[in-house]
Amino acid sequence: MENTVAFDVDNADNWFTLAELSDKSVSNRDIRRGEMFVRLRGFEEIAKENGYCAMFYTSTA
């Protein structure tokens, strides 16, 4: 699978391996974590604008 590539049909010089594309997307743990915190911040701002207190809970069993 390491030889699998994705390329732009209009520009053959523009190509990436699937591993490179994965590293640039939410498949990357760091990017996924950052995106989660951005969304949480957005929900917090919406809650404050509407007079609510935003809370984030993690429950584990």
PDB file of N, CA and C in Angstrom:
ATOM      1  N   MET A   1       0.817  -1.189   0.000  1.00  0.00           N
ATOM      2  CA  MET A   1       0.000   0.000   0.000  1.00  0.00           C
ATOM      3  C   MET A   1       0.861   1.252   0.000  1.00  0.00           C
ATOM      4  N   GLU A   2       2.118   1.150   0.372  1.00  0.00           N
ATOM      5  CA  GLU A   2       2.948   2.348   0.429  1.00  0.00           C
ATOM      6  C   GLU A   2       3.211   2.948  -0.944  1.00  0.00           C
ATOM      7  N   ASN A   3       2.925   2.223  -2.021  1.00  0.00           N
ATOM      8  CA  ASN A   3       3.119   2.767  -3.364  1.00  0.00           C
ATOM      9  C   ASN A   3       1.841   3.364  -3.929  1.00  0.00           C
ATOM     10  N   THR A   4       0.751   3.293  -3.200  1.00  0.00           N
ATOM     11  CA  THR A   4      -0.518   3.826  -3.661  1.00  0.00           C
ATOM     12  C   THR A   4      -0.482   5.348  -3.599  1.00  0.00           C
ATOM     13  N   VAL A   5      -0.875   5.977  -4.705  1.00  0.00           N
ATOM     14  CA  VAL A   5      -0.850   7.436  -4.754  1.00  0.00           C
ATOM     15  C   VAL A   5      -2.197   7.966  -5.227  1.00  0.00           C
ATOM     16  N   ALA A   6      -2.454   9.208  -4.849  1.00  0.00           N
ATOM     17  CA  ALA A   6      -3.612   9.944  -5.350  1.00  0.00           C
ATOM     18  C   ALA A   6      -3.055  11.148  -6.091  1.00  0.00           C
ATOM     19  N   PHE A   7      -3.633  11.454  -7.239  1.00  0.00           N
ATOM     20  CA  PHE A   7      -3.108  12.580  -8.011  1.00  0.00           C
ATOM     21  C   PHE A   7      -4.237  13.397  -8.599  1.00  0.00           C
ATOM     22  N   ASP A   8      -3.885  14.614  -8.951  1.00  0.00           N
ATOM     23  CA  ASP A   8      -4.805  15.561  -9.576  1.00  0.00           C
ATOM     24  C   ASP A   8      -4.863  15.237 -11.065  1.00  0.00           C
ATOM     25  N   VAL A   9      -6.040  14.931 -11.574  1.00  0.00           N
ATOM     26  CA  VAL A   9      -6.156  14.558 -12.986  1.00  0.00           C
ATOM     27  C   VAL A   9      -5.806  15.716 -13.914  1.00  0.00           C
ATOM     28  N   ASP A  10      -5.910  16.950 -13.432  1.00  0.00           N
ATOM     29  CA  ASP A  10      -5.572  18.108 -14.259  1.00  0.00           C
ATOM     30  C   ASP A  10      -4.099  18.475 -14.181  1.00  0.00           C
ATOM     31  N   ASN A  11      -3.376  17.926 -13.191  1.00  0.00           N
ATOM     32  CA  ASN A  11      -1.961  18.244 -13.014  1.00  0.00           C
ATOM     33  C   ASN A  11      -1.253  17.008 -12.476  1.00  0.00           C
ATOM     34  N   ALA A  12      -0.658  16.248 -13.364  1.00  0.00           N
ATOM     35  CA  ALA A  12      -0.010  14.992 -12.979  1.00  0.00           C
ATOM     36  C   ALA A  12       1.174  15.207 -12.030  1.00  0.00           C
ATOM     37  N   ASP A  13       1.704  16.433 -11.963  1.00  0.00           N
ATOM     38  CA  ASP A  13       2.804  16.719 -11.049  1.00  0.00           C
ATOM     39  C   ASP A  13       2.321  16.887  -9.608  1.00  0.00           C
ATOM     40  N   ASN A  14       1.027  16.991  -9.419  1.00  0.00           N
ATOM     41  CA  ASN A  14       0.441  17.186  -8.093  1.00  0.00           C
ATOM     42  C   ASN A  14      -0.076  15.840  -7.588  1.00  0.00           C
ATOM     43  N   TRP A  15       0.753  15.127  -6.799  1.00  0.00           N
ATOM     44  CA  TRP A  15       0.351  13.824  -6.288  1.00  0.00           C
ATOM     45  C   TRP A  15       0.867  13.624  -4.868  1.00  0.00           C
ATOM     46  N   PHE A  16       0.191  12.758  -4.137  1.00  0.00           N
ATOM     47  CA  PHE A  16       0.545  12.429  -2.765  1.00  0.00           C
ATOM     48  C   PHE A  16       0.333  10.943  -2.544  1.00  0.00           C
ATOM     49  N   THR A  17       1.111  10.373  -1.641  1.00  0.00           N
ATOM     50  CA  THR A  17       0.829   8.996  -1.241  1.00  0.00           C
ATOM     51  C   THR A  17      -0.365   9.032  -0.298  1.00  0.00           C
ATOM     52  N   LEU A  18      -1.017   7.903  -0.137  1.00  0.00           N
ATOM     53  CA  LEU A  18      -2.160   7.859   0.766  1.00  0.00           C
ATOM     54  C   LEU A  18      -1.718   8.125   2.207  1.00  0.00           C
ATOM     55  N   ALA A  19      -0.517   7.718   2.565  1.00  0.00           N
ATOM     56  CA  ALA A  19      -0.004   7.996   3.907  1.00  0.00           C
ATOM     57  C   ALA A  19       0.158   9.502   4.116  1.00  0.00           C
ATOM     58  N   GLU A  20       0.647  10.224   3.103  1.00  0.00           N
ATOM     59  CA  GLU A  20       0.794  11.679   3.211  1.00  0.00           C
ATOM     60  C   GLU A  20      -0.571  12.353   3.360  1.00  0.00           C
ATOM     61  N   LEU A  21      -1.553  11.895   2.608  1.00  0.00           N
ATOM     62  CA  LEU A  21      -2.888  12.472   2.709  1.00  0.00           C
ATOM     63  C   LEU A  21      -3.499  12.185   4.079  1.00  0.00           C
ATOM     64  N   SER A  22      -3.262  10.993   4.581  1.00  0.00           N
ATOM     65  CA  SER A  22      -3.768  10.632   5.900  1.00  0.00           C
ATOM     66  C   SER A  22      -3.173  11.532   6.974  1.00  0.00           C
ATOM     67  N   ASP A  23      -1.893  11.856   6.847  1.00  0.00           N
ATOM     68  CA  ASP A  23      -1.224  12.722   7.823  1.00  0.00           C
ATOM     69  C   ASP A  23      -1.763  14.149   7.799  1.00  0.00           C
ATOM     70  N   LYS A  24      -2.404  14.548   6.697  1.00  0.00           N
ATOM     71  CA  LYS A  24      -2.917  15.915   6.558  1.00  0.00           C
ATOM     72  C   LYS A  24      -4.403  16.018   6.895  1.00  0.00           C
ATOM     73  N   SER A  25      -5.029  14.914   7.281  1.00  0.00           N
ATOM     74  CA  SER A  25      -6.472  14.907   7.524  1.00  0.00           C
ATOM     75  C   SER A  25      -6.776  14.589   8.985  1.00  0.00           C
ATOM     76  N   VAL A  26      -8.048  14.465   9.308  1.00  0.00           N
ATOM     77  CA  VAL A  26      -8.444  14.125  10.675  1.00  0.00           C
ATOM     78  C   VAL A  26      -8.087  12.686  11.030  1.00  0.00           C
ATOM     79  N   SER A  27      -7.511  11.953  10.101  1.00  0.00           N
ATOM     80  CA  SER A  27      -6.973  10.639  10.433  1.00  0.00           C
ATOM     81  C   SER A  27      -5.746  10.776  11.330  1.00  0.00           C
ATOM     82  N   ASN A  28      -5.110  11.942  11.271  1.00  0.00           N
ATOM     83  CA  ASN A  28      -3.965  12.240  12.122  1.00  0.00           C
ATOM     84  C   ASN A  28      -4.485  12.573  13.519  1.00  0.00           C
ATOM     85  N   ARG A  29      -3.976  11.886  14.541  1.00  0.00           N
ATOM     86  CA  ARG A  29      -4.474  12.059  15.909  1.00  0.00           C
ATOM     87  C   ARG A  29      -4.335  13.497  16.401  1.00  0.00           C
ATOM     88  N   ASP A  30      -3.216  14.144  16.086  1.00  0.00           N
ATOM     89  CA  ASP A  30      -3.007  15.522  16.546  1.00  0.00           C
ATOM     90  C   ASP A  30      -4.007  16.484  15.908  1.00  0.00           C
ATOM     91  N   ILE A  31      -4.263  16.310  14.618  1.00  0.00           N
ATOM     92  CA  ILE A  31      -5.220  17.165  13.926  1.00  0.00           C
ATOM     93  C   ILE A  31      -6.631  16.897  14.459  1.00  0.00           C
ATOM     94  N   ARG A  32      -6.964  15.616  14.668  1.00  0.00           N
ATOM     95  CA  ARG A  32      -8.290  15.266  15.186  1.00  0.00           C
ATOM     96  C   ARG A  32      -8.499  15.871  16.576  1.00  0.00           C
ATOM     97  N   ARG A  33      -7.473  15.817  17.427  1.00  0.00           N
ATOM     98  CA  ARG A  33      -7.561  16.386  18.773  1.00  0.00           C
ATOM     99  C   ARG A  33      -7.763  17.902  18.688  1.00  0.00           C
ATOM    100  N   GLY A  34      -6.980  18.559  17.841  1.00  0.00           N
ATOM    101  CA  GLY A  34      -7.113  20.005  17.681  1.00  0.00           C
ATOM    102  C   GLY A  34      -8.492  20.400  17.184  1.00  0.00           C
ATOM    103  N   GLU A  35      -9.021  19.631  16.240  1.00  0.00           N
ATOM    104  CA  GLU A  35     -10.350  19.929  15.708  1.00  0.00           C
ATOM    105  C   GLU A  35     -11.417  19.758  16.788  1.00  0.00           C
ATOM    106  N   MET A  36     -11.253  18.749  17.650  1.00  0.00           N
ATOM    107  CA  MET A  36     -12.211  18.558  18.732  1.00  0.00           C
ATOM    108  C   MET A  36     -12.231  19.776  19.655  1.00  0.00           C
ATOM    109  N   PHE A  37     -11.056  20.306  20.001  1.00  0.00           N
ATOM    110  CA  PHE A  37     -11.006  21.451  20.895  1.00  0.00           C
ATOM    111  C   PHE A  37     -11.536  22.721  20.243  1.00  0.00           C
ATOM    112  N   VAL A  38     -11.346  22.864  18.956  1.00  0.00           N
ATOM    113  CA  VAL A  38     -11.922  24.012  18.242  1.00  0.00           C
ATOM    114  C   VAL A  38     -13.448  23.940  18.292  1.00  0.00           C
ATOM    115  N   ARG A  39     -13.998  22.760  18.073  1.00  0.00           N
ATOM    116  CA  ARG A  39     -15.453  22.596  18.136  1.00  0.00           C
ATOM    117  C   ARG A  39     -15.973  22.849  19.545  1.00  0.00           C
ATOM    118  N   LEU A  40     -15.254  22.342  20.554  1.00  0.00           N
ATOM    119  CA  LEU A  40     -15.678  22.577  21.936  1.00  0.00           C
ATOM    120  C   LEU A  40     -15.692  24.065  22.243  1.00  0.00           C
ATOM    121  N   ARG A  41     -14.695  24.775  21.773  1.00  0.00           N
ATOM    122  CA  ARG A  41     -14.641  26.228  21.999  1.00  0.00           C
ATOM    123  C   ARG A  41     -15.827  26.916  21.333  1.00  0.00           C
ATOM    124  N   GLY A  42     -16.173  26.467  20.143  1.00  0.00           N
ATOM    125  CA  GLY A  42     -17.327  27.028  19.450  1.00  0.00           C
ATOM    126  C   GLY A  42     -18.619  26.789  20.216  1.00  0.00           C
ATOM    127  N   PHE A  43     -18.793  25.575  20.737  1.00  0.00           N
ATOM    128  CA  PHE A  43     -19.984  25.273  21.535  1.00  0.00           C
ATOM    129  C   PHE A  43     -20.009  26.108  22.809  1.00  0.00           C
ATOM    130  N   GLU A  44     -18.838  26.326  23.390  1.00  0.00           N
ATOM    131  CA  GLU A  44     -18.761  27.151  24.597  1.00  0.00           C
ATOM    132  C   GLU A  44     -19.211  28.587  24.292  1.00  0.00           C
ATOM    133  N   GLU A  45     -18.753  29.142  23.176  1.00  0.00           N
ATOM    134  CA  GLU A  45     -19.137  30.499  22.805  1.00  0.00           C
ATOM    135  C   GLU A  45     -20.634  30.604  22.534  1.00  0.00           C
ATOM    136  N   ILE A  46     -21.205  29.605  21.862  1.00  0.00           N
ATOM    137  CA  ILE A  46     -22.653  29.600  21.603  1.00  0.00           C
ATOM    138  C   ILE A  46     -23.417  29.536  22.914  1.00  0.00           C
ATOM    139  N   ALA A  47     -22.964  28.686  23.832  1.00  0.00           N
ATOM    140  CA  ALA A  47     -23.633  28.570  25.137  1.00  0.00           C
ATOM    141  C   ALA A  47     -23.598  29.905  25.872  1.00  0.00           C
ATOM    142  N   LYS A  48     -22.448  30.568  25.906  1.00  0.00           N
ATOM    143  CA  LYS A  48     -22.331  31.854  26.604  1.00  0.00           C
ATOM    144  C   LYS A  48     -23.216  32.918  25.968  1.00  0.00           C
ATOM    145  N   GLU A  49     -23.291  32.947  24.648  1.00  0.00           N
ATOM    146  CA  GLU A  49     -24.141  33.920  23.951  1.00  0.00           C
ATOM    147  C   GLU A  49     -25.612  33.736  24.304  1.00  0.00           C
ATOM    148  N   ASN A  50     -25.991  32.504  24.655  1.00  0.00           N
ATOM    149  CA  ASN A  50     -27.382  32.206  24.971  1.00  0.00           C
ATOM    150  C   ASN A  50     -27.638  32.139  26.481  1.00  0.00           C
ATOM    151  N   GLY A  51     -26.671  32.587  27.262  1.00  0.00           N
ATOM    152  CA  GLY A  51     -26.850  32.645  28.705  1.00  0.00           C
ATOM    153  C   GLY A  51     -26.680  31.328  29.433  1.00  0.00           C
ATOM    154  N   TYR A  52     -26.018  30.362  28.804  1.00  0.00           N
ATOM    155  CA  TYR A  52     -25.788  29.062  29.436  1.00  0.00           C
ATOM    156  C   TYR A  52     -24.332  28.935  29.864  1.00  0.00           C
ATOM    157  N   CYS A  53     -24.066  27.950  30.680  1.00  0.00           N
ATOM    158  CA  CYS A  53     -22.704  27.627  31.100  1.00  0.00           C
ATOM    159  C   CYS A  53     -22.326  26.320  30.414  1.00  0.00           C
ATOM    160  N   ALA A  54     -21.305  26.343  29.602  1.00  0.00           N
ATOM    161  CA  ALA A  54     -20.874  25.135  28.879  1.00  0.00           C
ATOM    162  C   ALA A  54     -20.089  24.225  29.811  1.00  0.00           C
ATOM    163  N   MET A  55     -20.376  22.940  29.755  1.00  0.00           N
ATOM    164  CA  MET A  55     -19.677  21.948  30.571  1.00  0.00           C
ATOM    165  C   MET A  55     -19.243  20.806  29.669  1.00  0.00           C
ATOM    166  N   PHE A  56     -18.093  20.236  29.963  1.00  0.00           N
ATOM    167  CA  PHE A  56     -17.596  19.089  29.208  1.00  0.00           C
ATOM    168  C   PHE A  56     -17.278  17.989  30.204  1.00  0.00           C
ATOM    169  N   TYR A  57     -17.925  16.853  30.043  1.00  0.00           N
ATOM    170  CA  TYR A  57     -17.727  15.726  30.948  1.00  0.00           C
ATOM    171  C   TYR A  57     -17.189  14.531  30.170  1.00  0.00           C
ATOM    172  N   THR A  58     -16.303  13.800  30.779  1.00  0.00           N
ATOM    173  CA  THR A  58     -15.831  12.541  30.235  1.00  0.00           C
ATOM    174  C   THR A  58     -16.178  11.452  31.243  1.00  0.00           C
ATOM    175  N   SER A  59     -16.935  10.484  30.797  1.00  0.00           N
ATOM    176  CA  SER A  59     -17.251   9.381  31.696  1.00  0.00           C
ATOM    177  C   SER A  59     -16.612   8.099  31.167  1.00  0.00           C
ATOM    178  N   THR A  60     -16.014   7.381  32.071  1.00  0.00           N
ATOM    179  CA  THR A  60     -15.394   6.118  31.691  1.00  0.00           C
ATOM    180  C   THR A  60     -15.931   5.020  32.604  1.00  0.00           C
ATOM    181  N   ALA A  61     -15.953   3.836  32.076  1.00  0.00           N
ATOM    182  CA  ALA A  61     -16.443   2.715  32.873  1.00  0.00           C
ATOM    183  C   ALA A  61     -15.349   1.682  33.044  1.00  0.00           C
TER     184      ALA A  61
END
